[in-house]
Amino acid sequence: MLLARNPDYAVMEVSDEFLRLKIEQECMREDMKNNVKKVKIDSSSELHLIDFSAYSEDFIKDFESHLSSICVGKLGKKLSLIKLRLREFLYSKDDNTRSGAIAELFIAYYLKNAGYKQEYLFFNLEEGSIKKGFDGVFSMKKKSYLMESKSTLPSTKNKSHRSKINEAYTDLKNYVEGRSKKGKNNPWRNAYNHASHCDVKTSQSIKKKLDKLADKFDERKYIKVRLVNIIPCSTIFGLTKDACPNQVAEDDYDYIKNLEANSKVILCIKSRNINDFISYLEN
């Protein structure tokens, strides 16, 4: 299901939450489990603390096994061509856009490893541009999620996961409720166009729901974020394995709990410097 049960929006019944968590556990590689801490905050909120600050040989090997499907879907391309396109894209952008793109790659990699299905292409349908709307749509069995990612550079002062999660959540809320100041694009239409690409292989039920929501958005019949399943994400760059721990203070749990949504999965990632990732692409 894309939204909470509602005669206008429900696609199908909510999947068993235990089954979803079981799939995550079974799909995730053993070495990644060691770099992930999950906190179940309440029945509709969970927090994933993810450490990507070390590019181990196993990490690189597994990341590369997913990279083509993340970027171009079922089409499949040689790894060297995917890395070339990524390099050329990142070379042409400023550091803020670079950090955002790399963060989205890591998020897609993590969620695919955890058993979620990616319902969009990382490479935008308009060559060289960034997506107009939600950063991504993911599904797990019968539930679908809207993903929004925010990131910080090493030079950012007073950086925190809470501030970035708040930015990501605010963007999702404003997009869904028709209050975004970032242009007049229909985010549901953009999501539908990605899901309709033949190499994404999105189910008909999800595509029909996205199309219906896009039509309602055009008619200015906006929905509330409390009906939606969401994945707000924060990535902090420039942290080594031994740097400050990847933490969200316990007094932030109430803040997460009080974010309106049908259900929410919060991702907080710490990563190496963006130039380290670009160096990887150049090798």
C-alpha atoms as a PDB file:
ATOM      1  CA  MET A   1       0.000   0.000   0.000  1.00  0.00           C
ATOM      2  CA  LEU A   2       1.146   3.530  -0.754  1.00  0.00           C
ATOM      3  CA  LEU A   3      -1.048   5.280   1.803  1.00  0.00           C
ATOM      4  CA  ALA A   4      -2.975   4.455   4.947  1.00  0.00           C
ATOM      5  CA  ARG A   5      -6.226   2.576   4.602  1.00  0.00           C
ATOM      6  CA  ASN A   6      -8.743   4.942   3.089  1.00  0.00           C
ATOM      7  CA  PRO A   7     -11.457   4.259   0.485  1.00  0.00           C
ATOM      8  CA  ASP A   8      -9.879   6.785  -1.869  1.00  0.00           C
ATOM      9  CA  TYR A   9      -6.243   5.813  -1.491  1.00  0.00           C
ATOM     10  CA  ALA A  10      -5.829   2.231  -0.244  1.00  0.00           C
ATOM     11  CA  VAL A  11      -4.180  -0.139  -2.725  1.00  0.00           C
ATOM     12  CA  MET A  12      -4.152  -3.268  -0.556  1.00  0.00           C
ATOM     13  CA  GLU A  13      -3.886  -4.328   3.067  1.00  0.00           C
ATOM     14  CA  VAL A  14      -0.865  -3.317   5.157  1.00  0.00           C
ATOM     15  CA  SER A  15       1.726  -6.083   5.208  1.00  0.00           C
ATOM     16  CA  ASP A  16       2.655  -7.797   8.443  1.00  0.00           C
ATOM     17  CA  GLU A  17       5.269  -5.573  10.117  1.00  0.00           C
ATOM     18  CA  PHE A  18       7.030  -8.612  11.522  1.00  0.00           C
ATOM     19  CA  LEU A  19       7.376 -10.004   7.989  1.00  0.00           C
ATOM     20  CA  ARG A  20       8.930  -6.748   6.755  1.00  0.00           C
ATOM     21  CA  LEU A  21      11.512  -6.746   9.546  1.00  0.00           C
ATOM     22  CA  LYS A  22      12.224 -10.437   8.897  1.00  0.00           C
ATOM     23  CA  ILE A  23      12.875  -9.688   5.209  1.00  0.00           C
ATOM     24  CA  GLU A  24      15.246  -6.862   6.164  1.00  0.00           C
ATOM     25  CA  GLN A  25      17.185  -9.163   8.448  1.00  0.00           C
ATOM     26  CA  GLU A  26      17.430 -12.006   5.920  1.00  0.00           C
ATOM     27  CA  CYS A  27      18.410  -9.787   2.973  1.00  0.00           C
ATOM     28  CA  MET A  28      21.124  -7.757   4.678  1.00  0.00           C
ATOM     29  CA  ARG A  29      24.721  -8.930   4.362  1.00  0.00           C
ATOM     30  CA  GLU A  30      26.390 -10.031   7.585  1.00  0.00           C
ATOM     31  CA  ASP A  31      29.145  -7.378   7.491  1.00  0.00           C
ATOM     32  CA  MET A  32      26.568  -4.637   6.890  1.00  0.00           C
ATOM     33  CA  LYS A  33      24.587  -5.799   9.934  1.00  0.00           C
ATOM     34  CA  ASN A  34      27.657  -5.019  12.011  1.00  0.00           C
ATOM     35  CA  ASN A  35      27.540  -1.396  10.811  1.00  0.00           C
ATOM     36  CA  VAL A  36      23.826  -0.870  11.383  1.00  0.00           C
ATOM     37  CA  LYS A  37      21.960  -0.200  14.603  1.00  0.00           C
ATOM     38  CA  LYS A  38      18.168  -0.294  14.526  1.00  0.00           C
ATOM     39  CA  VAL A  39      15.949   1.285  17.151  1.00  0.00           C
ATOM     40  CA  LYS A  40      12.213   0.575  17.259  1.00  0.00           C
ATOM     41  CA  ILE A  41      10.852   3.822  18.702  1.00  0.00           C
ATOM     42  CA  ASP A  42       7.152   2.944  18.590  1.00  0.00           C
ATOM     43  CA  SER A  43       4.722   0.898  16.506  1.00  0.00           C
ATOM     44  CA  SER A  44       5.046   3.241  13.500  1.00  0.00           C
ATOM     45  CA  SER A  45       8.578   4.655  13.894  1.00  0.00           C
ATOM     46  CA  GLU A  46      11.993   3.076  13.558  1.00  0.00           C
ATOM     47  CA  LEU A  47      15.487   4.509  13.356  1.00  0.00           C
ATOM     48  CA  HIS A  48      18.414   3.009  11.410  1.00  0.00           C
ATOM     49  CA  LEU A  49      21.927   4.264  12.282  1.00  0.00           C
ATOM     50  CA  ILE A  50      24.239   3.292   9.403  1.00  0.00           C
ATOM     51  CA  ASP A  51      28.035   3.527   9.229  1.00  0.00           C
ATOM     52  CA  PHE A  52      29.528   3.809   5.714  1.00  0.00           C
ATOM     53  CA  SER A  53      32.777   5.430   6.870  1.00  0.00           C
ATOM     54  CA  ALA A  54      34.986   2.498   5.816  1.00  0.00           C
ATOM     55  CA  TYR A  55      35.211   1.352   2.192  1.00  0.00           C
ATOM     56  CA  SER A  56      36.188  -2.254   2.845  1.00  0.00           C
ATOM     57  CA  GLU A  57      36.814  -4.689   0.010  1.00  0.00           C
ATOM     58  CA  ASP A  58      33.563  -6.496   0.812  1.00  0.00           C
ATOM     59  CA  PHE A  59      31.652  -3.211   0.901  1.00  0.00           C
ATOM     60  CA  ILE A  60      32.989  -2.138  -2.509  1.00  0.00           C
ATOM     61  CA  LYS A  61      32.291  -5.540  -4.043  1.00  0.00           C
ATOM     62  CA  ASP A  62      28.695  -5.596  -2.826  1.00  0.00           C
ATOM     63  CA  PHE A  63      28.080  -1.921  -3.646  1.00  0.00           C
ATOM     64  CA  GLU A  64      29.240  -2.553  -7.208  1.00  0.00           C
ATOM     65  CA  SER A  65      26.945  -5.563  -7.519  1.00  0.00           C
ATOM     66  CA  HIS A  66      23.972  -3.208  -6.974  1.00  0.00           C
ATOM     67  CA  LEU A  67      25.233  -0.080  -8.735  1.00  0.00           C
ATOM     68  CA  SER A  68      23.897  -0.816 -12.220  1.00  0.00           C
ATOM     69  CA  SER A  69      20.397  -1.694 -11.002  1.00  0.00           C
ATOM     70  CA  ILE A  70      20.323   1.409  -8.770  1.00  0.00           C
ATOM     71  CA  CYS A  71      21.225   3.690 -11.671  1.00  0.00           C
ATOM     72  CA  VAL A  72      19.535   2.156 -14.736  1.00  0.00           C
ATOM     73  CA  GLY A  73      17.242  -0.560 -13.393  1.00  0.00           C
ATOM     74  CA  LYS A  74      16.825  -3.881 -15.169  1.00  0.00           C
ATOM     75  CA  LEU A  75      18.534  -2.587 -18.327  1.00  0.00           C
ATOM     76  CA  GLY A  76      21.955  -3.436 -16.920  1.00  0.00           C
ATOM     77  CA  LYS A  77      25.178  -1.743 -18.004  1.00  0.00           C
ATOM     78  CA  LYS A  78      28.865  -2.458 -17.607  1.00  0.00           C
ATOM     79  CA  LEU A  79      30.212  -1.184 -14.300  1.00  0.00           C
ATOM     80  CA  SER A  80      32.812   0.940 -16.102  1.00  0.00           C
ATOM     81  CA  LEU A  81      30.067   2.801 -18.015  1.00  0.00           C
ATOM     82  CA  ILE A  82      28.019   3.404 -14.873  1.00  0.00           C
ATOM     83  CA  LYS A  83      31.056   4.776 -13.042  1.00  0.00           C
ATOM     84  CA  LEU A  84      31.900   6.971 -16.060  1.00  0.00           C
ATOM     85  CA  ARG A  85      28.402   8.485 -16.096  1.00  0.00           C
ATOM     86  CA  LEU A  86      28.530   9.059 -12.350  1.00  0.00           C
ATOM     87  CA  ARG A  87      31.930  10.761 -12.621  1.00  0.00           C
ATOM     88  CA  GLU A  88      30.789  13.049 -15.417  1.00  0.00           C
ATOM     89  CA  PHE A  89      27.642  13.964 -13.505  1.00  0.00           C
ATOM     90  CA  LEU A  90      29.513  14.692 -10.258  1.00  0.00           C
ATOM     91  CA  TYR A  91      32.301  16.634 -12.018  1.00  0.00           C
ATOM     92  CA  SER A  92      29.669  19.021 -13.412  1.00  0.00           C
ATOM     93  CA  LYS A  93      28.041  19.803 -10.037  1.00  0.00           C
ATOM     94  CA  ASP A  94      28.933  21.826  -6.954  1.00  0.00           C
ATOM     95  CA  ASP A  95      29.749  20.177  -3.633  1.00  0.00           C
ATOM     96  CA  ASN A  96      26.211  20.463  -2.292  1.00  0.00           C
ATOM     97  CA  THR A  97      24.722  18.667  -5.294  1.00  0.00           C
ATOM     98  CA  ARG A  98      27.541  16.104  -5.227  1.00  0.00           C
ATOM     99  CA  SER A  99      26.935  15.289  -1.574  1.00  0.00           C
ATOM    100  CA  GLY A 100      23.208  14.956  -2.198  1.00  0.00           C
ATOM    101  CA  ALA A 101      23.698  12.590  -5.138  1.00  0.00           C
ATOM    102  CA  ILE A 102      26.206  10.383  -3.296  1.00  0.00           C
ATOM    103  CA  ALA A 103      23.928  10.252  -0.254  1.00  0.00           C
ATOM    104  CA  GLU A 104      21.040   9.080  -2.449  1.00  0.00           C
ATOM    105  CA  LEU A 105      23.242   6.335  -3.906  1.00  0.00           C
ATOM    106  CA  PHE A 106      24.118   5.075  -0.428  1.00  0.00           C
ATOM    107  CA  ILE A 107      20.461   5.176   0.648  1.00  0.00           C
ATOM    108  CA  ALA A 108      19.335   3.174  -2.391  1.00  0.00           C
ATOM    109  CA  TYR A 109      22.147   0.668  -1.778  1.00  0.00           C
ATOM    110  CA  TYR A 110      21.217   0.264   1.884  1.00  0.00           C
ATOM    111  CA  LEU A 111      17.485  -0.118   1.264  1.00  0.00           C
ATOM    112  CA  LYS A 112      17.990  -2.616  -1.581  1.00  0.00           C
ATOM    113  CA  ASN A 113      20.286  -4.599   0.716  1.00  0.00           C
ATOM    114  CA  ALA A 114      17.535  -4.562   3.327  1.00  0.00           C
ATOM    115  CA  GLY A 115      15.022  -6.041   0.894  1.00  0.00           C
ATOM    116  CA  TYR A 116      13.209  -2.930  -0.347  1.00  0.00           C
ATOM    117  CA  LYS A 117      12.426  -2.569  -4.051  1.00  0.00           C
ATOM    118  CA  GLN A 118      13.526   0.645  -5.753  1.00  0.00           C
ATOM    119  CA  GLU A 119      10.666   2.085  -7.832  1.00  0.00           C
ATOM    120  CA  TYR A 120      12.661   4.692  -9.772  1.00  0.00           C
ATOM    121  CA  LEU A 121      15.946   5.185 -11.652  1.00  0.00           C
ATOM    122  CA  PHE A 122      18.805   7.001  -9.944  1.00  0.00           C
ATOM    123  CA  PHE A 123      19.789   8.482 -13.308  1.00  0.00           C
ATOM    124  CA  ASN A 124      17.059  11.008 -13.972  1.00  0.00           C
ATOM    125  CA  LEU A 125      14.876  10.727 -17.050  1.00  0.00           C
ATOM    126  CA  GLU A 126      16.218  14.133 -18.125  1.00  0.00           C
ATOM    127  CA  GLU A 127      19.938  13.627 -18.741  1.00  0.00           C
ATOM    128  CA  GLY A 128      22.186  15.559 -16.376  1.00  0.00           C
ATOM    129  CA  SER A 129      19.392  17.039 -14.272  1.00  0.00           C
ATOM    130  CA  ILE A 130      18.198  16.317 -10.749  1.00  0.00           C
ATOM    131  CA  LYS A 131      14.799  14.818  -9.896  1.00  0.00           C
ATOM    132  CA  LYS A 132      11.795  17.117  -9.589  1.00  0.00           C
ATOM    133  CA  GLY A 133       9.861  15.967  -6.547  1.00  0.00           C
ATOM    134  CA  PHE A 134      10.387  13.071  -4.168  1.00  0.00           C
ATOM    135  CA  ASP A 135      13.946  11.734  -4.074  1.00  0.00           C
ATOM    136  CA  GLY A 136      12.624   8.199  -4.438  1.00  0.00           C
ATOM    137  CA  VAL A 137       9.860   5.651  -3.997  1.00  0.00           C
ATOM    138  CA  PHE A 138      10.548   2.244  -2.429  1.00  0.00           C
ATOM    139  CA  SER A 139       8.320  -0.723  -1.696  1.00  0.00           C
ATOM    140  CA  MET A 140       8.422  -3.675   0.664  1.00  0.00           C
ATOM    141  CA  LYS A 141       5.792  -6.340   0.039  1.00  0.00           C
ATOM    142  CA  LYS A 142       2.484  -4.451   0.263  1.00  0.00           C
ATOM    143  CA  LYS A 143       3.766  -1.104   1.567  1.00  0.00           C
ATOM    144  CA  SER A 144       5.310   1.708  -0.428  1.00  0.00           C
ATOM    145  CA  TYR A 145       7.396   4.576   0.959  1.00  0.00           C
ATOM    146  CA  LEU A 146       8.344   8.080  -0.146  1.00  0.00           C
ATOM    147  CA  MET A 147      12.048   8.803   0.442  1.00  0.00           C
ATOM    148  CA  GLU A 148      13.659  12.217   0.905  1.00  0.00           C
ATOM    149  CA  SER A 149      17.371  12.711   1.552  1.00  0.00           C
ATOM    150  CA  LYS A 150      19.351  15.587   3.079  1.00  0.00           C
ATOM    151  CA  SER A 151      23.116  15.706   3.642  1.00  0.00           C
ATOM    152  CA  THR A 152      25.867  17.875   5.110  1.00  0.00           C
ATOM    153  CA  LEU A 153      29.438  18.640   4.086  1.00  0.00           C
ATOM    154  CA  PRO A 154      32.436  18.499   6.468  1.00  0.00           C
ATOM    155  CA  SER A 155      32.492  22.308   6.456  1.00  0.00           C
ATOM    156  CA  THR A 156      28.917  22.536   7.730  1.00  0.00           C
ATOM    157  CA  LYS A 157      28.802  23.988  11.231  1.00  0.00           C
ATOM    158  CA  ASN A 158      26.553  22.593  13.961  1.00  0.00           C
ATOM    159  CA  LYS A 159      25.557  19.648  11.796  1.00  0.00           C
ATOM    160  CA  SER A 160      23.214  17.069  13.268  1.00  0.00           C
ATOM    161  CA  HIS A 161      21.054  14.234  12.065  1.00  0.00           C
ATOM    162  CA  ARG A 162      18.022  15.815  13.695  1.00  0.00           C
ATOM    163  CA  SER A 163      18.318  19.018  11.657  1.00  0.00           C
ATOM    164  CA  LYS A 164      18.670  17.080   8.388  1.00  0.00           C
ATOM    165  CA  ILE A 165      15.810  14.706   9.227  1.00  0.00           C
ATOM    166  CA  ASN A 166      13.678  17.771   9.943  1.00  0.00           C
ATOM    167  CA  GLU A 167      14.573  19.228   6.519  1.00  0.00           C
ATOM    168  CA  ALA A 168      13.777  15.951   4.761  1.00  0.00           C
ATOM    169  CA  TYR A 169      10.481  15.546   6.593  1.00  0.00           C
ATOM    170  CA  THR A 170       9.470  19.152   5.932  1.00  0.00           C
ATOM    171  CA  ASP A 171      10.135  18.741   2.205  1.00  0.00           C
ATOM    172  CA  LEU A 172       8.072  15.529   2.104  1.00  0.00           C
ATOM    173  CA  LYS A 173       5.204  17.155   3.985  1.00  0.00           C
ATOM    174  CA  ASN A 174       5.226  20.223   1.749  1.00  0.00           C
ATOM    175  CA  TYR A 175       5.371  18.158  -1.455  1.00  0.00           C
ATOM    176  CA  VAL A 176       2.522  15.870  -0.404  1.00  0.00           C
ATOM    177  CA  GLU A 177       0.323  18.692   0.908  1.00  0.00           C
ATOM    178  CA  GLY A 178       0.898  20.960  -2.107  1.00  0.00           C
ATOM    179  CA  ARG A 179       2.833  23.647  -0.233  1.00  0.00           C
ATOM    180  CA  SER A 180       6.327  23.266  -1.660  1.00  0.00           C
ATOM    181  CA  LYS A 181       8.145  26.462  -2.637  1.00  0.00           C
ATOM    182  CA  LYS A 182      10.590  24.519  -4.831  1.00  0.00           C
ATOM    183  CA  GLY A 183       8.645  24.878  -8.055  1.00  0.00           C
ATOM    184  CA  LYS A 184       5.249  23.896  -9.384  1.00  0.00           C
ATOM    185  CA  ASN A 185       6.130  20.395 -10.518  1.00  0.00           C
ATOM    186  CA  ASN A 186       3.742  17.588  -9.659  1.00  0.00           C
ATOM    187  CA  PRO A 187       5.863  15.217  -7.490  1.00  0.00           C
ATOM    188  CA  TRP A 188       3.434  12.325  -7.966  1.00  0.00           C
ATOM    189  CA  ARG A 189       3.633  12.695 -11.765  1.00  0.00           C
ATOM    190  CA  ASN A 190       7.421  12.607 -11.621  1.00  0.00           C
ATOM    191  CA  ALA A 191       7.257   9.497  -9.426  1.00  0.00           C
ATOM    192  CA  TYR A 192       4.774   7.901 -11.851  1.00  0.00           C
ATOM    193  CA  ASN A 193       7.012   8.648 -14.842  1.00  0.00           C
ATOM    194  CA  HIS A 194       9.958   6.949 -13.133  1.00  0.00           C
ATOM    195  CA  ALA A 195       7.850   3.964 -12.049  1.00  0.00           C
ATOM    196  CA  SER A 196       6.481   3.593 -15.591  1.00  0.00           C
ATOM    197  CA  HIS A 197       9.940   3.170 -17.122  1.00  0.00           C
ATOM    198  CA  CYS A 198      10.151  -0.382 -18.470  1.00  0.00           C
ATOM    199  CA  ASP A 199      13.484  -1.022 -16.712  1.00  0.00           C
ATOM    200  CA  VAL A 200      12.054  -0.242 -13.259  1.00  0.00           C
ATOM    201  CA  LYS A 201       9.464  -3.064 -13.327  1.00  0.00           C
ATOM    202  CA  THR A 202       7.047  -1.379 -10.936  1.00  0.00           C
ATOM    203  CA  SER A 203       3.785  -3.228 -10.240  1.00  0.00           C
ATOM    204  CA  GLN A 204       0.589  -2.027 -11.879  1.00  0.00           C
ATOM    205  CA  SER A 205      -1.028  -1.394  -8.483  1.00  0.00           C
ATOM    206  CA  ILE A 206       1.692   1.091  -7.489  1.00  0.00           C
ATOM    207  CA  LYS A 207       1.643   2.810 -10.883  1.00  0.00           C
ATOM    208  CA  LYS A 208      -2.132   3.183 -10.799  1.00  0.00           C
ATOM    209  CA  LYS A 209      -1.968   4.687  -7.327  1.00  0.00           C
ATOM    210  CA  LEU A 210       0.774   7.153  -8.298  1.00  0.00           C
ATOM    211  CA  ASP A 211      -1.207   8.158 -11.393  1.00  0.00           C
ATOM    212  CA  LYS A 212      -4.378   8.710  -9.359  1.00  0.00           C
ATOM    213  CA  LEU A 213      -2.489  10.819  -6.811  1.00  0.00           C
ATOM    214  CA  ALA A 214      -0.885  12.817  -9.649  1.00  0.00           C
ATOM    215  CA  ASP A 215      -4.335  13.578 -11.093  1.00  0.00           C
ATOM    216  CA  LYS A 216      -5.630  14.687  -7.698  1.00  0.00           C
ATOM    217  CA  PHE A 217      -2.556  16.891  -7.242  1.00  0.00           C
ATOM    218  CA  ASP A 218      -3.290  18.556 -10.613  1.00  0.00           C
ATOM    219  CA  GLU A 219      -6.828  19.213  -9.347  1.00  0.00           C
ATOM    220  CA  ARG A 220      -5.339  20.690  -6.148  1.00  0.00           C
ATOM    221  CA  LYS A 221      -6.892  17.919  -4.083  1.00  0.00           C
ATOM    222  CA  TYR A 222      -3.912  17.406  -1.826  1.00  0.00           C
ATOM    223  CA  ILE A 223      -3.572  14.715   0.823  1.00  0.00           C
ATOM    224  CA  LYS A 224      -2.082  14.869   4.327  1.00  0.00           C
ATOM    225  CA  VAL A 225       1.352  13.487   5.130  1.00  0.00           C
ATOM    226  CA  ARG A 226      -0.183  11.516   8.014  1.00  0.00           C
ATOM    227  CA  LEU A 227      -1.589   9.120   5.388  1.00  0.00           C
ATOM    228  CA  VAL A 228       1.812   8.369   3.825  1.00  0.00           C
ATOM    229  CA  ASN A 229       4.643   5.942   4.586  1.00  0.00           C
ATOM    230  CA  ILE A 230       7.931   7.869   4.549  1.00  0.00           C
ATOM    231  CA  ILE A 231      11.715   7.423   4.731  1.00  0.00           C
ATOM    232  CA  PRO A 232      13.379  10.726   5.737  1.00  0.00           C
ATOM    233  CA  CYS A 233      17.179  10.407   5.542  1.00  0.00           C
ATOM    234  CA  SER A 234      20.225  12.254   6.889  1.00  0.00           C
ATOM    235  CA  THR A 235      23.810  11.727   5.715  1.00  0.00           C
ATOM    236  CA  ILE A 236      26.780  13.421   7.370  1.00  0.00           C
ATOM    237  CA  PHE A 237      29.948  13.379   5.241  1.00  0.00           C
ATOM    238  CA  GLY A 238      33.551  13.628   6.304  1.00  0.00           C
ATOM    239  CA  LEU A 239      33.458  11.228   9.259  1.00  0.00           C
ATOM    240  CA  THR A 240      36.018   8.458   9.678  1.00  0.00           C
ATOM    241  CA  LYS A 241      35.387   5.110  11.334  1.00  0.00           C
ATOM    242  CA  ASP A 242      36.890   6.415  14.582  1.00  0.00           C
ATOM    243  CA  ALA A 243      35.179   9.814  14.479  1.00  0.00           C
ATOM    244  CA  CYS A 244      32.237  10.737  16.668  1.00  0.00           C
ATOM    245  CA  PRO A 245      29.681   7.938  16.875  1.00  0.00           C
ATOM    246  CA  ASN A 246      26.660   7.912  14.616  1.00  0.00           C
ATOM    247  CA  GLN A 247      24.074   8.933  17.181  1.00  0.00           C
ATOM    248  CA  VAL A 248      20.663  10.420  17.586  1.00  0.00           C
ATOM    249  CA  ALA A 249      20.193  11.573  21.172  1.00  0.00           C
ATOM    250  CA  GLU A 250      17.492   9.797  23.101  1.00  0.00           C
ATOM    251  CA  ASP A 251      15.713  13.090  23.660  1.00  0.00           C
ATOM    252  CA  ASP A 252      15.282  13.213  19.870  1.00  0.00           C
ATOM    253  CA  TYR A 253      13.173  10.055  19.974  1.00  0.00           C
ATOM    254  CA  ASP A 254      10.100  12.028  21.031  1.00  0.00           C
ATOM    255  CA  TYR A 255      10.694  14.360  18.102  1.00  0.00           C
ATOM    256  CA  ILE A 256      10.797  11.387  15.694  1.00  0.00           C
ATOM    257  CA  LYS A 257       7.751   9.807  17.329  1.00  0.00           C
ATOM    258  CA  ASN A 258       5.749  13.003  16.851  1.00  0.00           C
ATOM    259  CA  LEU A 259       6.453  13.363  13.124  1.00  0.00           C
ATOM    260  CA  GLU A 260       3.128  12.854  11.381  1.00  0.00           C
ATOM    261  CA  ALA A 261       3.062   9.892   8.984  1.00  0.00           C
ATOM    262  CA  ASN A 262       1.292   6.573   8.602  1.00  0.00           C
ATOM    263  CA  SER A 263       4.662   4.925   9.255  1.00  0.00           C
ATOM    264  CA  LYS A 264       8.237   6.155   9.098  1.00  0.00           C
ATOM    265  CA  VAL A 265      11.688   4.640   8.717  1.00  0.00           C
ATOM    266  CA  ILE A 266      14.410   7.151   9.634  1.00  0.00           C
ATOM    267  CA  LEU A 267      17.879   6.608   8.122  1.00  0.00           C
ATOM    268  CA  CYS A 268      20.923   8.346   9.656  1.00  0.00           C
ATOM    269  CA  ILE A 269      24.170   7.675   7.790  1.00  0.00           C
ATOM    270  CA  LYS A 270      27.754   8.692   8.478  1.00  0.00           C
ATOM    271  CA  SER A 271      30.148   8.539   5.549  1.00  0.00           C
ATOM    272  CA  ARG A 272      33.607   9.463   4.394  1.00  0.00           C
ATOM    273  CA  ASN A 273      34.361  12.657   2.486  1.00  0.00           C
ATOM    274  CA  ILE A 274      32.658  13.021  -0.909  1.00  0.00           C
ATOM    275  CA  ASN A 275      36.097  13.249  -2.562  1.00  0.00           C
ATOM    276  CA  ASP A 276      36.839   9.728  -1.333  1.00  0.00           C
ATOM    277  CA  PHE A 277      33.813   8.479  -3.272  1.00  0.00           C
ATOM    278  CA  ILE A 278      34.865  10.386  -6.387  1.00  0.00           C
ATOM    279  CA  SER A 279      38.350   8.868  -6.053  1.00  0.00           C
ATOM    280  CA  TYR A 280      36.727   5.426  -5.922  1.00  0.00           C
ATOM    281  CA  LEU A 281      34.871   6.186  -9.177  1.00  0.00           C
ATOM    282  CA  GLU A 282      38.143   7.229 -10.834  1.00  0.00           C
ATOM    283  CA  ASN A 283      39.879   3.918 -10.066  1.00  0.00           C
END
